[in-house]
Protein backbone atom coordinates (compact mmCIF):
# COMPACT_ATOMS: atom_id res chain seq x y z
CA MET A 1 93.56 148.89 87.03
CA SER A 2 92.33 146.21 89.43
CA ASN A 3 94.67 144.45 91.84
CA ILE A 4 95.82 140.97 90.85
CA ILE A 5 97.05 139.83 94.27
CA GLN A 6 94.31 138.38 96.47
CA ILE A 7 93.95 136.32 99.64
CA LEU A 8 92.97 132.71 99.06
CA PRO A 9 89.74 131.48 100.72
CA ASP A 10 90.41 129.35 103.80
CA SER A 11 88.90 126.26 102.14
CA LEU A 12 91.25 126.52 99.16
CA ALA A 13 94.26 127.32 101.36
CA ASN A 14 93.49 124.22 103.42
CA GLN A 15 93.27 122.07 100.30
CA ILE A 16 96.68 123.32 99.17
CA ALA A 17 98.13 122.58 102.62
CA ALA A 18 96.49 119.17 102.52
CA GLY A 19 98.42 118.40 99.35
CA GLU A 20 101.64 118.53 101.39
CA VAL A 21 100.37 116.69 104.45
CA ILE A 22 97.84 114.19 103.05
CA GLN A 23 99.05 112.27 100.01
CA ARG A 24 97.08 109.05 100.54
CA PRO A 25 95.07 107.17 103.22
CA ALA A 26 98.30 106.14 104.98
CA SER A 27 99.06 109.83 105.60
CA VAL A 28 95.76 110.28 107.44
CA ILE A 29 96.44 107.26 109.63
CA LYS A 30 99.93 108.48 110.46
CA GLU A 31 98.65 111.87 111.63
CA LEU A 32 95.72 110.52 113.65
CA VAL A 33 97.70 107.73 115.33
CA GLU A 34 100.55 110.08 116.22
CA ASN A 35 98.05 112.46 117.81
CA ALA A 36 96.64 109.54 119.81
CA ILE A 37 100.13 108.67 121.07
CA ASP A 38 100.75 112.29 122.06
CA ALA A 39 97.47 112.12 124.00
CA ASN A 40 98.97 109.29 126.13
CA ALA A 41 96.80 106.56 124.63
CA THR A 42 97.62 102.98 125.67
CA GLN A 43 95.20 101.36 123.22
CA ILE A 44 94.63 102.35 119.58
CA ILE A 45 92.17 100.75 117.15
CA ILE A 46 92.47 101.39 113.39
CA ASN A 47 89.39 100.40 111.41
CA LEU A 48 89.42 100.64 107.59
CA LYS A 49 87.07 100.16 104.67
CA ASP A 50 88.36 99.76 101.11
CA ALA A 51 91.96 100.53 102.11
CA GLY A 52 90.87 103.86 103.61
CA ARG A 53 88.98 105.23 100.60
CA THR A 54 85.57 104.80 102.21
CA LEU A 55 86.46 104.92 105.92
CA ILE A 56 89.45 105.53 108.19
CA GLN A 57 88.52 105.25 111.85
CA VAL A 58 91.06 105.73 114.65
CA ILE A 59 89.86 105.13 118.20
CA ASP A 60 92.07 105.78 121.25
CA ASN A 61 91.74 105.84 125.03
CA GLY A 62 93.95 108.90 125.46
CA ASN A 63 93.30 112.13 127.34
CA GLY A 64 90.60 113.32 124.94
CA MET A 65 89.55 116.95 124.30
CA THR A 66 87.15 119.47 125.71
CA LYS A 67 84.47 120.95 123.47
CA ASP A 68 86.46 124.14 122.84
CA ASP A 69 89.68 122.24 122.14
CA ALA A 70 87.88 119.94 119.72
CA ARG A 71 86.70 122.92 117.72
CA LEU A 72 90.07 124.71 117.74
CA ALA A 73 91.96 121.55 116.78
CA PHE A 74 90.67 121.83 113.20
CA GLU A 75 92.00 125.36 112.72
CA ARG A 76 95.26 125.74 110.78
CA HIS A 77 98.40 126.03 112.92
CA ALA A 78 96.49 124.93 116.00
CA THR A 79 98.60 122.77 118.33
CA SER A 80 99.05 122.00 122.00
CA LYS A 81 102.70 121.02 121.60
CA ILE A 82 104.54 124.13 120.44
CA LYS A 83 104.45 127.49 122.22
CA SER A 84 107.71 129.19 121.16
CA SER A 85 110.41 128.90 118.50
CA GLU A 86 112.71 127.27 121.06
CA ASP A 87 110.27 124.37 121.28
CA LEU A 88 111.03 123.48 117.66
CA PHE A 89 114.47 122.32 118.76
CA ASN A 90 113.30 120.39 121.80
CA ILE A 91 110.57 118.19 120.35
CA ASN A 92 109.47 115.08 122.22
CA THR A 93 106.04 114.72 120.63
CA LYS A 94 104.85 113.44 117.23
CA GLY A 95 102.37 115.81 115.60
CA PHE A 96 103.50 119.36 116.29
CA ARG A 97 102.83 121.31 113.08
CA GLY A 98 99.18 122.02 113.80
CA GLU A 99 98.09 121.34 110.20
CA ALA A 100 97.05 117.69 110.25
CA LEU A 101 93.39 117.94 111.27
CA ALA A 102 92.78 121.06 109.18
CA SER A 103 94.28 119.32 106.15
CA ILE A 104 92.26 116.12 106.67
CA ALA A 105 89.01 118.07 107.13
CA ALA A 106 89.71 119.98 103.90
CA VAL A 107 89.61 116.81 101.76
CA ALA A 108 87.15 114.53 103.57
CA SER A 109 84.13 114.30 105.80
CA VAL A 110 85.30 114.05 109.43
CA GLU A 111 83.35 113.05 112.51
CA LEU A 112 85.00 113.38 115.92
CA LYS A 113 83.66 111.95 119.14
CA THR A 114 85.80 112.92 122.12
CA LYS A 115 85.69 113.37 125.87
CA HIS A 116 88.37 114.78 128.12
CA LYS A 117 89.37 112.54 131.01
CA ASP A 118 88.22 115.18 133.53
CA ASP A 119 84.83 115.84 131.87
CA THR A 120 81.57 114.03 132.49
CA ILE A 121 80.18 114.44 128.98
CA GLY A 122 81.81 114.46 125.59
CA THR A 123 81.51 116.24 122.25
CA VAL A 124 80.45 115.22 118.75
CA LEU A 125 81.73 117.35 115.88
CA VAL A 126 81.27 116.96 112.10
CA ILE A 127 83.26 118.87 109.46
CA GLU A 128 82.93 118.45 105.69
CA ALA A 129 85.38 120.15 103.34
CA SER A 130 86.50 122.52 106.12
CA LYS A 131 82.91 123.52 107.00
CA LEU A 132 81.63 122.80 110.48
CA THR A 133 78.18 121.23 110.10
CA LYS A 134 77.60 119.89 113.59
CA ILE A 135 78.91 120.36 117.14
CA GLU A 136 77.01 119.24 120.20
CA SER A 137 77.43 117.50 123.53
CA GLU A 138 77.02 113.74 123.72
CA ASN A 139 77.81 110.94 126.12
CA THR A 140 81.01 109.33 124.75
CA SER A 141 83.97 107.36 126.08
CA THR A 142 87.13 109.04 127.34
CA GLY A 143 89.57 109.56 124.49
CA SER A 144 88.97 110.32 120.82
CA ASN A 145 87.18 108.56 117.99
CA PHE A 146 87.97 110.00 114.54
CA SER A 147 86.01 108.80 111.48
CA VAL A 148 87.35 110.08 108.15
CA LYS A 149 84.95 109.24 105.32
CA ASN A 150 85.24 109.48 101.52
CA LEU A 151 88.79 110.79 101.34
CA PHE A 152 89.33 113.31 98.49
CA PHE A 153 85.59 113.33 97.70
CA ASN A 154 85.84 117.03 96.80
CA ILE A 155 89.07 116.64 94.78
CA PRO A 156 88.24 113.99 92.14
CA ALA A 157 91.61 114.42 90.44
CA ARG A 158 93.44 113.44 93.63
CA ARG A 159 91.12 110.52 94.30
CA LYS A 160 91.63 109.26 90.74
CA PHE A 161 95.38 108.99 91.31
CA LEU A 162 95.05 106.69 94.31
CA LYS A 163 96.39 103.23 93.54
CA SER A 164 94.60 99.91 93.93
CA ASP A 165 93.29 98.82 97.33
CA LYS A 166 96.17 96.37 97.63
CA THR A 167 98.80 99.05 97.05
CA GLU A 168 97.16 101.60 99.34
CA PHE A 169 96.69 99.02 102.07
CA ASN A 170 100.37 98.07 101.86
CA HIS A 171 101.25 101.74 102.40
CA ILE A 172 98.94 101.77 105.42
CA LEU A 173 100.55 98.66 106.90
CA THR A 174 104.02 100.12 106.34
CA GLU A 175 103.02 103.25 108.27
CA CYS A 176 101.37 101.26 111.04
CA TYR A 177 104.41 98.99 111.44
CA ARG A 178 106.71 102.00 111.80
CA ILE A 179 104.57 103.40 114.60
CA ALA A 180 103.87 100.06 116.31
CA LEU A 181 107.57 99.10 116.35
CA ALA A 182 108.43 102.42 117.98
CA HIS A 183 105.77 102.01 120.69
CA SER A 184 105.60 98.39 121.77
CA GLN A 185 104.04 99.44 125.10
CA ILE A 186 100.87 100.53 123.24
CA SER A 187 98.38 97.93 122.04
CA PHE A 188 97.24 98.21 118.43
CA SER A 189 94.39 96.61 116.51
CA ILE A 190 94.20 96.89 112.71
CA ILE A 191 90.89 95.92 111.08
CA HIS A 192 90.28 95.98 107.33
CA ASN A 193 86.86 95.32 105.80
CA ASP A 194 85.78 93.69 109.11
CA ASN A 195 88.80 91.33 109.14
CA VAL A 196 91.27 91.62 112.02
CA ILE A 197 94.69 91.93 110.39
CA HIS A 198 96.72 92.52 113.56
CA LYS A 199 95.95 92.50 117.27
CA LEU A 200 99.11 93.57 119.09
CA ASN A 201 99.12 93.67 122.87
CA SER A 202 101.43 95.74 125.03
CA GLU A 203 104.74 93.84 124.90
CA SER A 204 108.51 94.06 124.71
CA THR A 205 110.25 95.41 121.62
CA LYS A 206 111.43 91.95 120.59
CA GLU A 207 107.95 90.46 121.01
CA ARG A 208 106.52 93.28 118.90
CA ILE A 209 109.02 92.57 116.09
CA LEU A 210 108.20 88.85 116.16
CA ASN A 211 104.43 89.43 116.18
CA ILE A 212 104.53 91.88 113.27
CA PHE A 213 106.90 89.93 111.08
CA ASP A 214 107.63 86.31 111.83
CA LYS A 215 108.30 84.35 115.02
CA SER A 216 111.07 82.51 113.17
CA LEU A 217 113.10 85.73 113.61
CA ASN A 218 113.49 84.82 117.27
CA LYS A 219 116.65 82.81 116.62
CA GLN A 220 118.00 85.34 114.13
CA LEU A 221 117.99 88.55 116.17
CA ILE A 222 121.17 89.67 117.93
CA SER A 223 120.67 92.30 120.63
CA ILE A 224 122.54 95.62 120.78
CA ASN A 225 122.92 97.81 123.86
CA THR A 226 125.41 100.68 123.59
CA ASP A 227 125.68 103.73 125.82
CA ALA A 228 128.02 106.31 124.26
CA GLY A 229 127.08 109.13 126.62
CA PHE A 230 125.37 111.57 124.26
CA ILE A 231 123.50 108.71 122.50
CA LYS A 232 122.20 105.29 123.45
CA ILE A 233 121.67 102.62 120.80
CA THR A 234 119.53 99.58 121.55
CA GLY A 235 117.67 97.07 119.43
CA PHE A 236 118.56 94.14 117.26
CA VAL A 237 120.54 93.20 114.16
CA GLY A 238 120.10 90.05 112.12
CA ASN A 239 122.32 87.03 112.01
CA PRO A 240 124.00 87.27 108.56
CA GLU A 241 123.18 83.62 107.97
CA PHE A 242 119.54 84.65 107.56
CA ALA A 243 120.05 87.82 105.50
CA SER A 244 117.44 88.36 102.82
CA LYS A 245 117.44 89.96 99.37
CA ASN A 246 115.02 92.73 100.31
CA SER A 247 115.08 95.59 102.79
CA SER A 248 111.68 95.03 104.42
CA LYS A 249 113.22 94.54 107.87
CA GLN A 250 115.48 97.60 108.13
CA TYR A 251 114.36 100.21 110.66
CA PHE A 252 115.90 103.20 112.44
CA PHE A 253 114.08 104.97 115.28
CA VAL A 254 115.17 108.20 116.95
CA ASN A 255 113.45 109.00 120.25
CA ASN A 256 110.65 106.61 119.21
CA ARG A 257 110.24 108.30 115.82
CA TYR A 258 110.84 106.34 112.59
CA MET A 259 113.73 107.72 110.53
CA LYS A 260 115.14 107.12 107.06
CA SER A 261 118.90 107.50 106.72
CA GLY A 262 121.00 106.23 103.83
CA TYR A 263 124.07 107.51 105.70
CA PHE A 264 123.46 105.41 108.81
CA HIS A 265 122.36 102.46 106.68
CA LYS A 266 125.84 102.53 105.13
CA ALA A 267 127.32 102.31 108.62
CA VAL A 268 125.35 99.13 109.31
CA THR A 269 126.33 97.52 106.00
CA MET A 270 130.00 98.37 106.62
CA ALA A 271 129.79 96.46 109.91
CA TYR A 272 128.68 93.40 107.90
CA GLU A 273 131.65 93.54 105.51
CA GLN A 274 132.87 90.07 104.48
CA LEU A 275 129.81 88.52 106.15
CA LEU A 276 127.30 89.07 103.33
CA THR A 277 127.34 88.75 99.56
CA SER A 278 126.60 91.79 97.39
CA ASP A 279 122.93 90.86 96.91
CA GLN A 280 122.22 90.18 100.59
CA LYS A 281 120.77 92.81 102.92
CA PRO A 282 121.08 92.75 106.71
CA ASN A 283 118.05 92.97 108.96
CA TYR A 284 118.15 95.57 111.72
CA PHE A 285 115.89 97.33 114.21
CA LEU A 286 117.93 100.09 115.84
CA TYR A 287 116.61 102.55 118.41
CA PHE A 288 118.50 105.80 119.15
CA ASP A 289 117.93 107.71 122.37
CA ILE A 290 119.43 111.19 122.10
CA ASP A 291 118.91 114.66 123.53
CA PRO A 292 116.27 116.30 121.23
CA THR A 293 118.30 119.53 121.20
CA ARG A 294 121.00 117.67 119.24
CA ILE A 295 118.69 116.76 116.33
CA ASP A 296 116.36 118.62 113.97
CA VAL A 297 113.20 116.72 113.03
CA ASN A 298 111.52 119.61 111.23
CA ILE A 299 113.40 119.37 107.93
CA HIS A 300 110.94 117.20 105.98
CA PRO A 301 107.12 117.33 105.57
CA THR A 302 106.73 113.69 106.66
CA LYS A 303 109.30 114.08 109.44
CA THR A 304 111.11 110.90 108.38
CA GLU A 305 114.44 112.63 107.77
CA ILE A 306 116.38 113.95 110.75
CA ASN A 307 119.52 116.07 111.03
CA PHE A 308 122.14 115.22 113.68
CA ASP A 309 124.61 117.83 114.90
CA ASN A 310 127.31 115.11 115.15
CA ALA A 311 126.33 112.58 112.48
CA ASN A 312 129.95 111.45 111.89
CA ASN A 313 130.32 110.37 115.51
CA VAL A 314 127.00 108.52 115.39
CA PHE A 315 128.17 106.80 112.17
CA GLN A 316 131.26 105.40 113.90
CA ILE A 317 129.29 104.36 116.98
CA ILE A 318 126.85 102.40 114.80
CA ILE A 319 129.69 100.50 113.11
CA ALA A 320 131.36 99.70 116.45
CA SER A 321 128.06 98.66 118.07
CA VAL A 322 127.01 96.32 115.26
CA ARG A 323 130.47 94.76 114.95
CA LYS A 324 130.63 94.17 118.70
CA ALA A 325 127.20 92.52 118.68
CA LEU A 326 128.19 90.23 115.80
CA THR A 327 131.51 89.40 117.47
CA ASP A 328 129.88 88.64 120.82
CA PHE A 329 127.50 86.35 118.94
CA ASP A 330 130.59 84.67 117.45
CA ILE A 331 129.89 85.32 113.75
CA PRO A 332 132.98 84.28 111.69
CA PRO A 333 133.79 85.78 108.27
CA ALA A 334 131.94 84.15 105.43
CA ILE A 335 133.60 81.20 103.66
CA ASP A 336 133.11 80.64 99.96
CA PHE A 337 132.13 76.98 99.81
CA GLU A 338 131.60 77.24 96.05
CA ASN A 339 135.33 77.63 95.49
CA THR A 340 136.72 74.11 95.06
CA GLU A 341 140.24 75.24 94.24
CA PHE A 342 142.86 74.99 96.98
CA ILE A 343 146.62 75.06 97.29
CA ASN A 344 148.18 71.63 97.72
CA MET A 345 150.71 71.94 100.55
CA PRO A 346 152.58 68.61 100.94
CA SER A 347 153.84 67.79 104.40
CA PHE A 348 157.54 68.30 105.04
CA ASP A 349 159.74 65.20 105.33
CA LYS A 350 163.31 65.89 106.46
CA MET A 351 164.48 62.49 105.08
CA ASN A 352 163.70 63.55 101.49
CA GLU A 353 166.15 65.61 99.49
CA ILE A 354 164.92 69.11 98.63
CA LYS A 355 165.17 69.64 94.86
CA ILE A 356 165.07 72.84 92.86
CA PRO A 357 161.72 72.93 91.00
CA THR A 358 161.88 72.58 87.22
CA THR A 359 159.49 73.54 84.43
CA GLY A 360 158.44 71.56 81.40
CA ALA A 361 158.15 74.46 78.96
CA ASN A 362 158.48 73.77 75.24
CA PRO A 363 160.53 76.60 73.65
CA ASN A 364 159.12 75.76 70.20
CA TYR A 365 155.47 76.03 71.29
CA ASN A 366 153.33 78.33 69.10
CA PRO A 367 149.95 79.01 70.75
CA PHE A 368 148.50 80.56 67.59
CA GLU A 369 149.25 77.48 65.50
CA GLU A 370 147.66 75.24 68.14
CA THR A 371 144.54 77.37 68.31
CA LYS A 372 144.15 77.23 64.57
CA LYS A 373 144.40 73.41 64.50
CA THR A 374 141.98 73.00 67.40
CA THR A 375 139.44 75.31 65.81
CA GLU A 376 139.60 73.50 62.51
CA LEU A 377 139.11 70.09 64.14
CA SER A 378 136.46 70.99 66.71
CA PHE A 379 134.23 73.20 64.59
CA HIS A 380 134.71 73.39 60.85
CA SER A 381 135.78 69.78 60.23
CA LYS A 382 133.10 68.22 62.40
CA ILE A 383 130.32 70.16 60.74
CA LEU A 384 131.50 69.21 57.25
CA GLN A 385 132.13 65.54 58.13
CA ASN A 386 128.63 65.11 59.55
CA LYS A 387 126.65 67.34 57.22
CA ASP A 388 124.44 64.51 55.88
CA ASN A 389 123.68 62.75 59.17
CA GLN A 390 120.50 64.61 60.19
CA HIS A 391 117.52 65.79 58.17
CA PHE A 392 115.38 68.85 58.93
CA GLY A 393 112.15 69.79 57.21
CA ASP A 394 112.00 73.31 55.84
CA THR A 395 109.01 73.97 58.11
CA VAL A 396 111.27 74.06 61.19
CA PHE A 397 112.50 77.54 60.24
CA GLN A 398 109.30 78.83 58.66
CA HIS A 399 109.34 81.88 60.96
CA GLN A 400 113.07 82.48 60.47
CA GLU A 401 114.23 84.63 57.58
CA GLU A 402 117.28 82.40 57.13
CA GLN A 403 116.39 78.97 55.68
CA ALA A 404 118.55 76.06 56.87
CA HIS A 405 120.06 73.50 54.55
CA SER A 406 117.98 70.36 54.89
CA THR A 407 120.87 67.98 55.67
CA LYS A 408 122.88 69.57 58.48
CA LYS A 409 123.77 68.05 61.83
CA ILE A 410 123.08 69.92 65.08
CA ILE A 411 126.04 70.48 67.36
CA ILE A 412 125.35 70.62 71.13
CA LEU A 413 128.00 73.02 72.43
CA LYS A 414 129.01 72.79 76.12
CA GLU A 415 125.47 71.59 76.92
CA LYS A 416 124.40 75.24 76.62
CA TYR A 417 123.92 76.03 72.93
CA LEU A 418 122.71 74.40 69.72
CA LEU A 419 124.65 75.21 66.53
CA THR A 420 123.43 74.40 63.03
CA PRO A 421 124.34 75.76 59.56
CA VAL A 422 121.88 78.03 57.79
CA LYS A 423 121.95 79.72 54.41
CA SER A 424 123.88 82.79 55.51
CA GLY A 425 126.10 81.25 58.20
CA VAL A 426 125.55 79.51 61.55
CA MET A 427 122.49 79.62 63.79
CA LEU A 428 123.03 79.56 67.57
CA ILE A 429 120.23 78.75 70.01
CA ASN A 430 120.38 79.25 73.79
CA ILE A 431 118.96 75.95 75.09
CA LYS A 432 117.84 77.17 78.52
CA ARG A 433 116.06 80.21 77.14
CA ALA A 434 114.38 78.11 74.47
CA LEU A 435 113.07 75.73 77.16
CA LYS A 436 111.75 78.67 79.20
CA GLN A 437 109.95 80.26 76.26
CA ILE A 438 108.36 76.94 75.26
CA LYS A 439 107.11 76.36 78.82
CA TYR A 440 105.90 79.95 79.10
CA GLU A 441 103.73 79.65 75.98
CA GLU A 442 102.41 76.27 77.17
CA ILE A 443 101.28 77.89 80.43
CA ILE A 444 99.69 80.81 78.57
CA GLU A 445 97.70 78.37 76.43
CA LYS A 446 96.50 76.44 79.48
CA ILE A 447 95.58 79.56 81.46
CA THR A 448 93.46 80.85 78.58
CA SER A 449 91.72 77.51 78.08
CA GLN A 450 88.91 76.21 80.29
CA LYS A 451 89.63 76.17 84.05
CA MET A 452 90.68 72.71 85.26
CA SER A 453 91.54 71.39 88.72
CA ILE A 454 93.10 68.13 89.87
CA ASP A 455 92.56 67.10 93.47
CA THR A 456 95.69 66.58 95.50
CA ILE A 457 96.19 63.11 97.03
CA TYR A 458 96.38 64.79 100.42
CA PRO A 459 95.94 68.47 101.40
CA ILE A 460 99.06 70.61 101.12
CA GLN A 461 99.31 72.81 104.20
CA VAL A 462 100.78 76.28 103.78
CA ARG A 463 101.65 78.45 106.79
CA LEU A 464 102.36 82.16 106.39
CA SER A 465 103.34 85.07 108.55
CA THR A 466 100.64 87.67 109.21
CA ILE A 467 102.16 89.98 106.57
CA GLU A 468 102.35 87.18 104.00
CA ALA A 469 98.76 86.10 104.72
CA ASN A 470 97.49 89.62 104.13
CA GLU A 471 99.40 89.82 100.82
CA PHE A 472 98.08 86.42 99.78
CA ASP A 473 94.45 87.50 100.27
CA PHE A 474 94.80 90.02 97.45
CA PHE A 475 95.72 87.57 94.69
CA LYS A 476 94.03 84.43 96.02
CA PRO A 477 90.94 84.99 93.75
CA GLU A 478 93.19 85.06 90.67
CA LEU A 479 94.68 81.68 91.60
CA GLU A 480 91.21 80.25 92.16
CA LYS A 481 90.25 81.39 88.64
CA ILE A 482 92.94 79.18 87.10
CA GLY A 483 92.13 76.05 89.12
CA PHE A 484 93.47 76.32 92.68
CA ILE A 485 91.13 75.32 95.51
CA PHE A 486 91.98 76.49 99.04
CA GLU A 487 90.57 75.56 102.45
CA LYS A 488 91.15 78.03 105.28
CA ILE A 489 92.60 76.67 108.54
CA ASN A 490 93.03 79.99 110.33
CA ASP A 491 94.08 83.56 109.53
CA THR A 492 97.64 82.54 108.59
CA ALA A 493 97.29 78.95 107.36
CA PHE A 494 95.35 77.10 104.66
CA ASN A 495 95.26 73.83 102.76
CA ILE A 496 95.60 73.46 99.00
CA THR A 497 93.17 70.71 97.98
CA ALA A 498 93.36 71.07 94.18
CA THR A 499 95.73 72.58 91.62
CA PRO A 500 95.78 73.24 87.87
CA PRO A 501 97.10 70.20 85.98
CA TYR A 502 100.12 72.06 84.61
CA ILE A 503 101.56 72.88 88.05
CA LYS A 504 103.51 70.25 89.94
CA VAL A 505 102.01 69.53 93.35
CA GLU A 506 105.41 69.67 95.02
CA ASP A 507 105.94 73.19 93.60
CA THR A 508 102.73 74.76 94.90
CA THR A 509 104.07 76.03 98.23
CA GLU A 510 107.10 77.58 96.53
CA LEU A 511 104.81 79.14 93.93
CA ILE A 512 102.64 80.77 96.61
CA LYS A 513 105.72 82.09 98.43
CA ASN A 514 107.14 83.40 95.16
CA LEU A 515 103.96 85.29 94.35
CA ILE A 516 103.94 86.81 97.83
CA LYS A 517 107.55 87.97 97.52
CA ILE A 518 106.96 89.44 94.07
CA SER A 519 103.86 91.23 95.34
CA GLN A 520 105.79 92.63 98.33
CA LEU A 521 108.88 93.71 96.42
CA THR A 522 107.18 95.36 93.46
CA SER A 523 104.40 97.85 92.93
CA VAL A 524 102.62 95.35 90.65
CA ASP A 525 99.03 94.74 91.69
CA ILE A 526 98.66 91.01 91.18
CA GLU A 527 94.88 91.15 91.20
CA ASN A 528 95.13 93.29 88.06
CA LEU A 529 97.69 91.19 86.21
CA GLY A 530 96.96 89.93 82.73
CA GLN A 531 97.43 86.33 81.58
CA GLU A 532 101.00 86.96 80.45
CA GLU A 533 102.09 88.35 83.81
CA ILE A 534 100.44 85.49 85.75
CA ALA A 535 102.25 82.98 83.53
CA MET A 536 105.53 84.73 84.26
CA GLN A 537 104.94 84.33 88.00
CA ILE A 538 103.99 80.66 87.65
CA LEU A 539 107.17 80.10 85.63
CA HIS A 540 109.21 80.98 88.73
CA SER A 541 108.39 77.56 90.19
CA TYR A 542 109.96 75.73 87.25
CA SER A 543 113.62 74.89 86.88
CA PHE A 544 115.22 74.58 83.45
CA ASN A 545 118.30 72.45 82.84
CA SER A 546 120.00 72.68 79.46
CA HIS A 547 121.77 69.40 80.25
CA ASN A 548 118.51 67.60 79.43
CA VAL A 549 119.18 68.06 75.67
CA ASN A 550 121.72 65.30 75.05
CA ASN A 551 121.30 63.98 71.51
CA GLN A 552 120.22 64.83 67.98
CA GLN A 553 116.63 63.68 68.47
CA GLU A 554 116.14 65.84 71.60
CA ALA A 555 117.84 68.81 69.90
CA GLU A 556 115.60 68.50 66.83
CA GLY A 557 112.51 68.22 69.04
CA LEU A 558 113.51 71.37 70.96
CA ILE A 559 114.00 73.35 67.74
CA ASN A 560 110.66 72.21 66.32
CA LYS A 561 108.87 73.26 69.54
CA LEU A 562 110.70 76.57 69.66
CA PHE A 563 109.82 77.58 66.12
CA SER A 564 106.19 76.68 66.68
CA CYS A 565 106.07 79.31 69.45
CA LYS A 566 104.53 82.69 68.77
CA SER A 567 107.82 84.27 69.80
CA HIS A 568 110.90 82.20 69.05
CA GLN A 569 113.45 85.01 68.66
CA PHE A 570 113.06 86.46 72.18
CA THR A 571 111.89 85.15 75.55
CA TYR A 572 108.86 86.52 77.39
CA ASP A 573 111.24 88.85 79.30
CA ASN A 574 112.87 90.06 76.06
CA LYS A 575 116.10 88.04 76.13
CA THR A 576 117.58 86.73 72.88
CA ILE A 577 117.04 83.03 72.15
CA VAL A 578 118.29 82.73 68.55
CA ASN A 579 121.26 84.42 66.93
CA ILE A 580 122.69 84.18 63.41
CA LEU A 581 126.44 84.42 62.92
CA ASN A 582 126.67 85.30 59.21
CA ILE A 583 129.52 84.48 56.82
CA GLU A 584 130.85 88.03 56.89
CA GLN A 585 131.13 87.94 60.69
CA ILE A 586 132.84 84.57 60.51
CA ASP A 587 135.26 85.88 57.84
CA ASN A 588 136.12 88.82 60.09
CA LEU A 589 137.29 86.38 62.75
CA PHE A 590 140.10 85.35 60.42
């Protein structure tokens, strides 16, 4: 009987290891950039084609490698950073597992040009699917230049599961921001399809935050500087007045390594108690400096989760540090300005006699009898008394299984609902939802018809942050298809010179910002959206006020428009517009 246990070939073993280390182009960039930082680089250039599918190039001016080191670096478990098991608990470097380059070379074609700072000539090395195809001496610059081409070319199944360029590029930016925020002393350049996305010079931490996100954050950031002995916490938290509804500006760093921690995030949010509403999220950029022997960074493949030997103490220090920063900045507890109720406290006058308060209760009052009378007068009686005042054609409810009587008046209830009798009971219509569905189907019809543009009287200037401008570039062609015309001012600003006729000029800037937020906060690829989804995004710029339906004529017009829609029972986002309260349900109320 033959043996069934066998040793995997190195190429297959490397591919399996690559599955843990390299999930997408962003993973490659993380590994290569971290290696560049460990090599003491002060300048790193990241050059991409097609969101990393075609090319990922990382160029640094670090120490570089000798010819022998360059060859050994692509072997599994090859590293210059770990020599004994004790080193695993005293880690001050980034890439220490010794699997990154072997994993990358297993699933792509890799070219490395490198020269050690003490050498006079460099090395060029090419590996394809773990096979060394070229290694020779060449005159190159000090440092390393990695070119990773055709990622997953030999694993079509993995390549097929990559997302759109927009999604993959967002993952790349997320990874780059984490590294750049942790190392503001290093200059970074990010180039995508020959366009410079970011050019970050060596700068302070605060300047790095402002240059990556938005310079308007300058007035919102509150500095933190706490020295608790075993840990130092520095960085910034956001003024609660400017809290957002997303968590795109929440960062923890431990010894210049990005970290995820729901536990420490809770500590920050507890420090903001009574300062934020439930849907608001605080901004924070917190940097921990701690003895590496007191943490374990080797518990997760991506090294983004870290164990602390005294996490409870750190938790309390975070709360105290954030609260102190907010207090020093003089942030008062939030006041609910929406609450118009207050206690009337008359001033005391010693000349007036103090009387015992009395009540005006009626001992014979029967609340059930009163409710019955009110109901009869306000609902049943009014419907019957006015039943012949308004005429409806049978065609109004042609899509509704319940046919209305042709001589029933519409009741506008609380400026929110329309009520009208039908054959089996009472029909109720949500006015606001009806208006939204009508507008939605109007937009759909106009999007699908011939493209039309109306010139603006004057150009509408839109200014974006660098992140917003990059997001906008992905769905700009889709807006141009429906009638928008843009003129570029610079990398982060443009003019709108024409719009579709069904979009209000004054709403265009808000519409653009809305689309950017939706694109950032969801995994939806806007360049791939269908007509229905685009209409839903455009609808965000409209406001709907049910108070605009004030009389019988407007109510009848709304109902006629609603029942001419393709979908009159439910809105585009599947919310109920029309409900029937049948006679049996009404009888059960009594």
